[in-house]
C-alpha atoms as a PDB file:
ATOM      1  CA  MET A   1      81.189  99.924  73.466  1.00  0.00           C
ATOM      2  CA  ASN A   2      83.659 102.064  76.950  1.00  0.00           C
ATOM      3  CA  LYS A   3      82.156 104.592  77.837  1.00  0.00           C
ATOM      4  CA  PRO A   4      83.888 107.650  77.027  1.00  0.00           C
ATOM      5  CA  LYS A   5      86.434 109.797  78.218  1.00  0.00           C
ATOM      6  CA  MET A   6      85.835 113.024  76.014  1.00  0.00           C
ATOM      7  CA  ILE A   7      83.188 114.157  73.859  1.00  0.00           C
ATOM      8  CA  LEU A   8      83.081 115.677  70.328  1.00  0.00           C
ATOM      9  CA  PHE A   9      80.611 118.146  69.215  1.00  0.00           C
ATOM     10  CA  ASP A  10      79.846 119.792  66.154  1.00  0.00           C
ATOM     11  CA  TYR A  11      79.021 122.896  65.653  1.00  0.00           C
ATOM     12  CA  GLY A  12      75.553 124.022  63.158  1.00  0.00           C
ATOM     13  CA  GLN A  13      72.445 121.793  64.344  1.00  0.00           C
ATOM     14  CA  THR A  14      74.534 119.741  66.594  1.00  0.00           C
ATOM     15  CA  LEU A  15      75.156 122.354  69.500  1.00  0.00           C
ATOM     16  CA  ILE A  16      73.026 125.398  67.429  1.00  0.00           C
ATOM     17  CA  ASN A  17      70.620 125.556  65.699  1.00  0.00           C
ATOM     18  CA  GLU A  18      71.140 128.122  62.732  1.00  0.00           C
ATOM     19  CA  SER A  19      68.425 129.433  61.326  1.00  0.00           C
ATOM     20  CA  ILE A  20      68.383 129.335  57.175  1.00  0.00           C
ATOM     21  CA  PHE A  21      71.797 131.560  55.744  1.00  0.00           C
ATOM     22  CA  ASN A  22      70.999 134.708  54.415  1.00  0.00           C
ATOM     23  CA  GLY A  23      74.034 136.381  52.892  1.00  0.00           C
ATOM     24  CA  LEU A  24      72.222 140.164  51.785  1.00  0.00           C
ATOM     25  CA  ALA A  25      71.194 140.979  55.504  1.00  0.00           C
ATOM     26  CA  GLY A  26      75.098 139.798  56.348  1.00  0.00           C
ATOM     27  CA  GLN A  27      76.093 142.005  53.570  1.00  0.00           C
ATOM     28  CA  ARG A  28      73.770 144.892  54.231  1.00  0.00           C
ATOM     29  CA  ALA A  29      74.272 145.137  58.048  1.00  0.00           C
ATOM     30  CA  LEU A  30      78.100 145.061  56.971  1.00  0.00           C
ATOM     31  CA  LEU A  31      78.139 147.955  54.375  1.00  0.00           C
ATOM     32  CA  ASN A  32      75.470 150.474  56.843  1.00  0.00           C
ATOM     33  CA  ARG A  33      78.446 150.634  58.811  1.00  0.00           C
ATOM     34  CA  ALA A  34      81.968 150.790  56.707  1.00  0.00           C
ATOM     35  CA  VAL A  35      83.310 154.138  56.571  1.00  0.00           C
ATOM     36  CA  LYS A  36      84.303 153.719  52.455  1.00  0.00           C
ATOM     37  CA  ASN A  37      82.184 152.483  49.488  1.00  0.00           C
ATOM     38  CA  GLY A  38      84.351 153.905  47.351  1.00  0.00           C
ATOM     39  CA  SER A  39      82.983 151.752  43.762  1.00  0.00           C
ATOM     40  CA  GLY A  40      79.885 152.759  45.610  1.00  0.00           C
ATOM     41  CA  ALA A  41      78.429 149.386  45.171  1.00  0.00           C
ATOM     42  CA  THR A  42      75.471 147.977  47.026  1.00  0.00           C
ATOM     43  CA  ALA A  43      74.408 145.170  49.604  1.00  0.00           C
ATOM     44  CA  GLU A  44      72.744 143.413  46.608  1.00  0.00           C
ATOM     45  CA  ASP A  45      75.873 143.705  44.211  1.00  0.00           C
ATOM     46  CA  ILE A  46      78.189 142.740  47.038  1.00  0.00           C
ATOM     47  CA  HIS A  47      76.604 139.349  47.654  1.00  0.00           C
ATOM     48  CA  ASN A  48      76.032 139.011  44.027  1.00  0.00           C
ATOM     49  CA  PHE A  49      79.197 139.023  43.563  1.00  0.00           C
ATOM     50  CA  VAL A  50      79.979 137.134  47.147  1.00  0.00           C
ATOM     51  CA  GLU A  51      77.706 133.872  45.610  1.00  0.00           C
ATOM     52  CA  GLU A  52      79.466 133.578  41.956  1.00  0.00           C
ATOM     53  CA  LEU A  53      82.624 133.451  43.514  1.00  0.00           C
ATOM     54  CA  GLU A  54      81.519 130.987  46.244  1.00  0.00           C
ATOM     55  CA  GLN A  55      80.233 128.828  43.648  1.00  0.00           C
ATOM     56  CA  GLU A  56      83.125 128.812  41.593  1.00  0.00           C
ATOM     57  CA  ILE A  57      85.736 127.901  44.127  1.00  0.00           C
ATOM     58  CA  GLY A  58      82.876 124.841  45.316  1.00  0.00           C
ATOM     59  CA  ARG A  59      82.709 126.296  49.295  1.00  0.00           C
ATOM     60  CA  TYR A  60      78.761 126.167  49.524  1.00  0.00           C
ATOM     61  CA  ASN A  61      78.344 124.341  46.447  1.00  0.00           C
ATOM     62  CA  PRO A  62      75.314 121.693  48.122  1.00  0.00           C
ATOM     63  CA  ASN A  63      77.433 118.422  45.402  1.00  0.00           C
ATOM     64  CA  THR A  64      81.015 119.388  46.341  1.00  0.00           C
ATOM     65  CA  VAL A  65      81.044 120.563  49.370  1.00  0.00           C
ATOM     66  CA  GLU A  66      81.585 117.210  50.971  1.00  0.00           C
ATOM     67  CA  SER A  67      84.683 116.438  48.448  1.00  0.00           C
ATOM     68  CA  TYR A  68      85.719 120.415  49.528  1.00  0.00           C
ATOM     69  CA  LYS A  69      89.603 119.362  51.228  1.00  0.00           C
ATOM     70  CA  TYR A  70      90.408 122.398  52.915  1.00  0.00           C
ATOM     71  CA  GLU A  71      89.238 125.879  54.726  1.00  0.00           C
ATOM     72  CA  ILE A  72      89.666 129.232  53.299  1.00  0.00           C
ATOM     73  CA  HIS A  73      89.735 131.342  56.707  1.00  0.00           C
ATOM     74  CA  ASN A  74      87.348 134.365  56.243  1.00  0.00           C
ATOM     75  CA  PHE A  75      89.247 137.373  56.848  1.00  0.00           C
ATOM     76  CA  ASN A  76      91.043 136.702  53.676  1.00  0.00           C
ATOM     77  CA  PHE A  77      88.646 136.598  51.968  1.00  0.00           C
ATOM     78  CA  GLN A  78      86.332 139.792  53.389  1.00  0.00           C
ATOM     79  CA  ARG A  79      89.563 141.044  52.484  1.00  0.00           C
ATOM     80  CA  TYR A  80      89.718 140.102  48.404  1.00  0.00           C
ATOM     81  CA  ILE A  81      85.524 141.317  48.749  1.00  0.00           C
ATOM     82  CA  ASN A  82      85.871 144.530  51.213  1.00  0.00           C
ATOM     83  CA  GLU A  83      89.097 145.411  48.959  1.00  0.00           C
ATOM     84  CA  TYR A  84      87.714 144.341  45.236  1.00  0.00           C
ATOM     85  CA  PHE A  85      84.696 146.968  45.900  1.00  0.00           C
ATOM     86  CA  GLU A  86      86.524 149.551  47.690  1.00  0.00           C
ATOM     87  CA  LEU A  87      84.709 149.055  51.406  1.00  0.00           C
ATOM     88  CA  GLU A  88      87.015 150.233  54.164  1.00  0.00           C
ATOM     89  CA  PHE A  89      86.087 149.381  58.222  1.00  0.00           C
ATOM     90  CA  ASP A  90      87.115 151.303  60.980  1.00  0.00           C
ATOM     91  CA  MET A  91      86.972 147.472  62.449  1.00  0.00           C
ATOM     92  CA  GLU A  92      88.889 144.737  63.595  1.00  0.00           C
ATOM     93  CA  PRO A  93      89.207 142.215  60.995  1.00  0.00           C
ATOM     94  CA  TRP A  94      86.887 139.208  63.999  1.00  0.00           C
ATOM     95  CA  GLU A  95      84.647 142.970  64.121  1.00  0.00           C
ATOM     96  CA  ILE A  96      83.676 143.161  60.574  1.00  0.00           C
ATOM     97  CA  GLU A  97      83.166 139.380  60.493  1.00  0.00           C
ATOM     98  CA  LYS A  98      80.579 138.771  64.283  1.00  0.00           C
ATOM     99  CA  ILE A  99      78.086 141.075  62.454  1.00  0.00           C
ATOM    100  CA  PHE A 100      77.714 139.916  59.406  1.00  0.00           C
ATOM    101  CA  TRP A 101      76.965 136.487  60.652  1.00  0.00           C
ATOM    102  CA  ASP A 102      74.863 137.156  63.971  1.00  0.00           C
ATOM    103  CA  ASN A 103      72.768 139.054  61.027  1.00  0.00           C
ATOM    104  CA  ALA A 104      73.292 136.597  58.885  1.00  0.00           C
ATOM    105  CA  SER A 105      72.565 133.472  60.828  1.00  0.00           C
ATOM    106  CA  PRO A 106      70.702 134.410  64.105  1.00  0.00           C
ATOM    107  CA  ALA A 107      70.537 131.195  66.480  1.00  0.00           C
ATOM    108  CA  THR A 108      69.486 129.444  68.956  1.00  0.00           C
ATOM    109  CA  ALA A 109      71.717 126.571  72.134  1.00  0.00           C
ATOM    110  CA  THR A 110      69.770 123.342  70.517  1.00  0.00           C
ATOM    111  CA  GLU A 111      66.947 121.790  72.985  1.00  0.00           C
ATOM    112  CA  GLY A 112      68.305 120.227  75.752  1.00  0.00           C
ATOM    113  CA  ILE A 113      72.580 120.612  74.970  1.00  0.00           C
ATOM    114  CA  GLU A 114      72.551 122.764  78.128  1.00  0.00           C
ATOM    115  CA  GLU A 115      71.004 119.892  80.041  1.00  0.00           C
ATOM    116  CA  LEU A 116      73.372 117.789  78.192  1.00  0.00           C
ATOM    117  CA  LEU A 117      76.899 119.749  78.856  1.00  0.00           C
ATOM    118  CA  GLU A 118      76.027 119.555  82.367  1.00  0.00           C
ATOM    119  CA  TYR A 119      75.533 116.107  82.994  1.00  0.00           C
ATOM    120  CA  LEU A 120      78.879 115.192  81.325  1.00  0.00           C
ATOM    121  CA  ALA A 121      80.170 117.183  83.708  1.00  0.00           C
ATOM    122  CA  ILE A 122      79.085 116.443  86.878  1.00  0.00           C
ATOM    123  CA  ASN A 123      80.359 113.169  85.310  1.00  0.00           C
ATOM    124  CA  ASN A 124      83.672 114.251  83.828  1.00  0.00           C
ATOM    125  CA  ILE A 125      83.610 113.779  80.384  1.00  0.00           C
ATOM    126  CA  ARG A 126      85.159 116.460  79.382  1.00  0.00           C
ATOM    127  CA  THR A 127      84.089 118.431  76.313  1.00  0.00           C
ATOM    128  CA  GLY A 128      85.044 120.210  73.482  1.00  0.00           C
ATOM    129  CA  VAL A 129      83.949 121.199  69.798  1.00  0.00           C
ATOM    130  CA  ILE A 130      85.862 120.756  66.393  1.00  0.00           C
ATOM    131  CA  SER A 131      83.768 123.224  63.569  1.00  0.00           C
ATOM    132  CA  ASN A 132      83.681 123.376  60.035  1.00  0.00           C
ATOM    133  CA  ILE A 133      84.028 127.047  59.359  1.00  0.00           C
ATOM    134  CA  SER A 134      85.079 129.994  57.789  1.00  0.00           C
ATOM    135  CA  PHE A 135      84.361 132.368  60.425  1.00  0.00           C
ATOM    136  CA  GLY A 136      87.641 132.670  62.761  1.00  0.00           C
ATOM    137  CA  GLU A 137      87.417 130.310  66.531  1.00  0.00           C
ATOM    138  CA  HIS A 138      87.391 133.873  68.006  1.00  0.00           C
ATOM    139  CA  SER A 139      83.788 134.614  66.340  1.00  0.00           C
ATOM    140  CA  LEU A 140      82.787 130.967  67.023  1.00  0.00           C
ATOM    141  CA  LYS A 141      84.572 130.506  71.026  1.00  0.00           C
ATOM    142  CA  GLU A 142      82.120 134.500  71.375  1.00  0.00           C
ATOM    143  CA  ARG A 143      78.757 132.819  69.824  1.00  0.00           C
ATOM    144  CA  ILE A 144      78.809 129.067  71.501  1.00  0.00           C
ATOM    145  CA  ASN A 145      80.193 130.666  75.016  1.00  0.00           C
ATOM    146  CA  GLU A 146      77.036 133.910  74.390  1.00  0.00           C
ATOM    147  CA  LEU A 147      74.084 130.748  73.443  1.00  0.00           C
ATOM    148  CA  ILE A 148      76.022 128.243  75.846  1.00  0.00           C
ATOM    149  CA  PRO A 149      77.228 129.972  78.752  1.00  0.00           C
ATOM    150  CA  THR A 150      77.015 127.801  80.804  1.00  0.00           C
ATOM    151  CA  ASN A 151      79.989 125.410  78.752  1.00  0.00           C
ATOM    152  CA  HIS A 152      83.402 123.609  79.602  1.00  0.00           C
ATOM    153  CA  PHE A 153      84.488 123.292  76.350  1.00  0.00           C
ATOM    154  CA  GLU A 154      88.052 123.102  76.920  1.00  0.00           C
ATOM    155  CA  PHE A 155      89.342 123.332  73.634  1.00  0.00           C
ATOM    156  CA  ILE A 156      86.743 125.160  70.205  1.00  0.00           C
ATOM    157  CA  MET A 157      88.951 124.572  66.880  1.00  0.00           C
ATOM    158  CA  ALA A 158      87.661 126.354  63.866  1.00  0.00           C
ATOM    159  CA  THR A 159      89.315 124.181  60.938  1.00  0.00           C
ATOM    160  CA  SER A 160      90.214 128.762  59.259  1.00  0.00           C
ATOM    161  CA  ASP A 161      92.363 128.415  61.803  1.00  0.00           C
ATOM    162  CA  TYR A 162      93.406 124.599  60.717  1.00  0.00           C
ATOM    163  CA  VAL A 163      93.229 124.242  57.029  1.00  0.00           C
ATOM    164  CA  PHE A 164      91.834 120.298  57.148  1.00  0.00           C
ATOM    165  CA  ARG A 165      87.597 120.320  57.022  1.00  0.00           C
ATOM    166  CA  LYS A 166      85.826 117.666  58.238  1.00  0.00           C
ATOM    167  CA  PRO A 167      86.084 114.097  56.958  1.00  0.00           C
ATOM    168  CA  SER A 168      89.780 114.926  56.548  1.00  0.00           C
ATOM    169  CA  LYS A 169      91.390 112.195  59.582  1.00  0.00           C
ATOM    170  CA  TYR A 170      93.954 115.653  60.122  1.00  0.00           C
ATOM    171  CA  ILE A 171      91.476 117.024  61.920  1.00  0.00           C
ATOM    172  CA  PHE A 172      90.751 114.836  64.146  1.00  0.00           C
ATOM    173  CA  GLN A 173      93.795 113.271  64.493  1.00  0.00           C
ATOM    174  CA  PHE A 174      94.741 116.866  65.876  1.00  0.00           C
ATOM    175  CA  ALA A 175      91.647 117.081  68.167  1.00  0.00           C
ATOM    176  CA  LEU A 176      92.712 113.661  69.696  1.00  0.00           C
ATOM    177  CA  LYS A 177      96.588 115.169  70.189  1.00  0.00           C
ATOM    178  CA  LYS A 178      95.091 117.832  72.217  1.00  0.00           C
ATOM    179  CA  ALA A 179      93.447 116.558  74.765  1.00  0.00           C
ATOM    180  CA  GLY A 180      95.751 113.860  74.574  1.00  0.00           C
ATOM    181  CA  LEU A 181      93.772 110.696  73.969  1.00  0.00           C
ATOM    182  CA  LYS A 182      93.021 108.096  72.460  1.00  0.00           C
ATOM    183  CA  PRO A 183      90.680 107.580  69.562  1.00  0.00           C
ATOM    184  CA  GLU A 184      88.716 104.551  70.620  1.00  0.00           C
ATOM    185  CA  GLU A 185      88.363 106.840  74.047  1.00  0.00           C
ATOM    186  CA  VAL A 186      86.271 109.312  71.567  1.00  0.00           C
ATOM    187  CA  TRP A 187      82.951 110.104  71.402  1.00  0.00           C
ATOM    188  CA  TYR A 188      82.786 112.472  68.136  1.00  0.00           C
ATOM    189  CA  CYS A 189      78.907 114.110  68.140  1.00  0.00           C
ATOM    190  CA  GLY A 190      77.411 116.406  64.797  1.00  0.00           C
ATOM    191  CA  ASP A 191      74.770 116.610  62.005  1.00  0.00           C
ATOM    192  CA  ASN A 192      77.032 116.040  59.365  1.00  0.00           C
ATOM    193  CA  PRO A 193      76.636 111.928  58.310  1.00  0.00           C
ATOM    194  CA  ILE A 194      79.431 111.910  56.047  1.00  0.00           C
ATOM    195  CA  CYS A 195      81.844 115.317  57.331  1.00  0.00           C
ATOM    196  CA  ASP A 196      80.447 113.963  61.231  1.00  0.00           C
ATOM    197  CA  VAL A 197      80.059 110.802  61.606  1.00  0.00           C
ATOM    198  CA  ASP A 198      82.400 108.642  58.722  1.00  0.00           C
ATOM    199  CA  GLY A 199      84.917 111.164  59.339  1.00  0.00           C
ATOM    200  CA  SER A 200      85.073 111.019  63.013  1.00  0.00           C
ATOM    201  CA  VAL A 201      84.629 106.987  62.384  1.00  0.00           C
ATOM    202  CA  ASN A 202      87.239 107.051  59.815  1.00  0.00           C
ATOM    203  CA  ALA A 203      89.738 108.550  62.400  1.00  0.00           C
ATOM    204  CA  GLY A 204      88.263 105.750  64.699  1.00  0.00           C
ATOM    205  CA  MET A 205      86.553 107.744  67.050  1.00  0.00           C
ATOM    206  CA  THR A 206      82.801 106.827  67.305  1.00  0.00           C
ATOM    207  CA  GLY A 207      80.672 108.935  66.001  1.00  0.00           C
ATOM    208  CA  VAL A 208      76.962 109.819  67.148  1.00  0.00           C
ATOM    209  CA  TRP A 209      74.378 110.358  64.379  1.00  0.00           C
ATOM    210  CA  TYR A 210      72.473 113.915  66.113  1.00  0.00           C
ATOM    211  CA  THR A 211      69.810 114.755  63.526  1.00  0.00           C
ATOM    212  CA  GLY A 212      67.141 116.930  65.795  1.00  0.00           C
ATOM    213  CA  ALA A 213      67.760 120.027  64.568  1.00  0.00           C
ATOM    214  CA  VAL A 214      68.905 118.307  60.504  1.00  0.00           C
ATOM    215  CA  ARG A 215      67.038 119.835  57.659  1.00  0.00           C
ATOM    216  CA  HIS A 216      67.157 117.682  55.362  1.00  0.00           C
ATOM    217  CA  LYS A 217      68.002 113.632  56.124  1.00  0.00           C
ATOM    218  CA  SER A 218      68.294 112.526  52.175  1.00  0.00           C
ATOM    219  CA  ILE A 219      71.954 110.813  53.094  1.00  0.00           C
ATOM    220  CA  THR A 220      72.978 108.069  55.596  1.00  0.00           C
ATOM    221  CA  PRO A 221      76.527 107.764  57.134  1.00  0.00           C
ATOM    222  CA  LYS A 222      78.146 104.845  55.812  1.00  0.00           C
ATOM    223  CA  SER A 223      79.868 103.943  58.403  1.00  0.00           C
ATOM    224  CA  HIS A 224      78.468 101.839  62.348  1.00  0.00           C
ATOM    225  CA  HIS A 225      77.905 105.234  64.705  1.00  0.00           C
ATOM    226  CA  ILE A 226      74.642 106.370  67.686  1.00  0.00           C
ATOM    227  CA  HIS A 227      71.434 108.196  66.116  1.00  0.00           C
ATOM    228  CA  ILE A 228      69.889 109.918  68.641  1.00  0.00           C
ATOM    229  CA  GLU A 229      66.726 112.013  67.367  1.00  0.00           C
ATOM    230  CA  ASN A 230      67.578 114.349  70.855  1.00  0.00           C
ATOM    231  CA  TRP A 231      69.879 114.512  73.550  1.00  0.00           C
ATOM    232  CA  LYS A 232      68.198 113.045  76.077  1.00  0.00           C
ATOM    233  CA  GLU A 233      68.401 110.035  74.488  1.00  0.00           C
ATOM    234  CA  LEU A 234      72.491 109.980  74.833  1.00  0.00           C
ATOM    235  CA  ILE A 235      72.287 110.264  78.410  1.00  0.00           C
ATOM    236  CA  HIS A 236      70.521 107.902  78.681  1.00  0.00           C
ATOM    237  CA  ILE A 237      72.764 105.668  75.644  1.00  0.00           C
ATOM    238  CA  LEU A 238      75.353 107.166  78.822  1.00  0.00           C
ATOM    239  CA  ASN A 239      73.647 105.479  82.002  1.00  0.00           C
ATOM    240  CA  SER A 240      72.768 102.320  80.695  1.00  0.00           C
END
């Protein structure tokens, strides 16, 4: 095993520990900022409708999410919901998105991640992010930079801006092109055994399964990988 030239990270439950998603709280906060509610819908009305849509398309259905291959950008989804319920806002789409996200899923940096990123920077190991997420790159960058202000990520990729979701090889291949590196020169760290570990390994990278912030470990990766439960373990592996 060679020391990597670059380590790429997943976002949720890897870099950042998000609380359990509460879409109703997000809708309530957002509805309070609406300048028009032509349908008179309540936050509960909107939330229930969104839940129905997401189950229909399989976006957040735990039984189908791993086979969900393409990302729908939240701006498009958000526009449908707002026009359907005759909602108007005097904000930019990314501002609407941020209000919803901040209230639906408050978050903190995972324990030890700042120390790891400092170690990688000192040792000239490059870093970047690929996240399966419907929120846009602007919101994702802003949240990561707020919670981990000392990061040196070369790029932060939201799959919503690039169509393909992990474990698709196309999103990993695109990251490699951005980095100008070969697959064997890159490690990928993430909590999801299929999307993050098996996906990156199938793309030729070294997969690192991080379970320090995982809520449920019902399945394990099928591919050969490195397993760590905290970021100090990764520093130890790199040192050795």
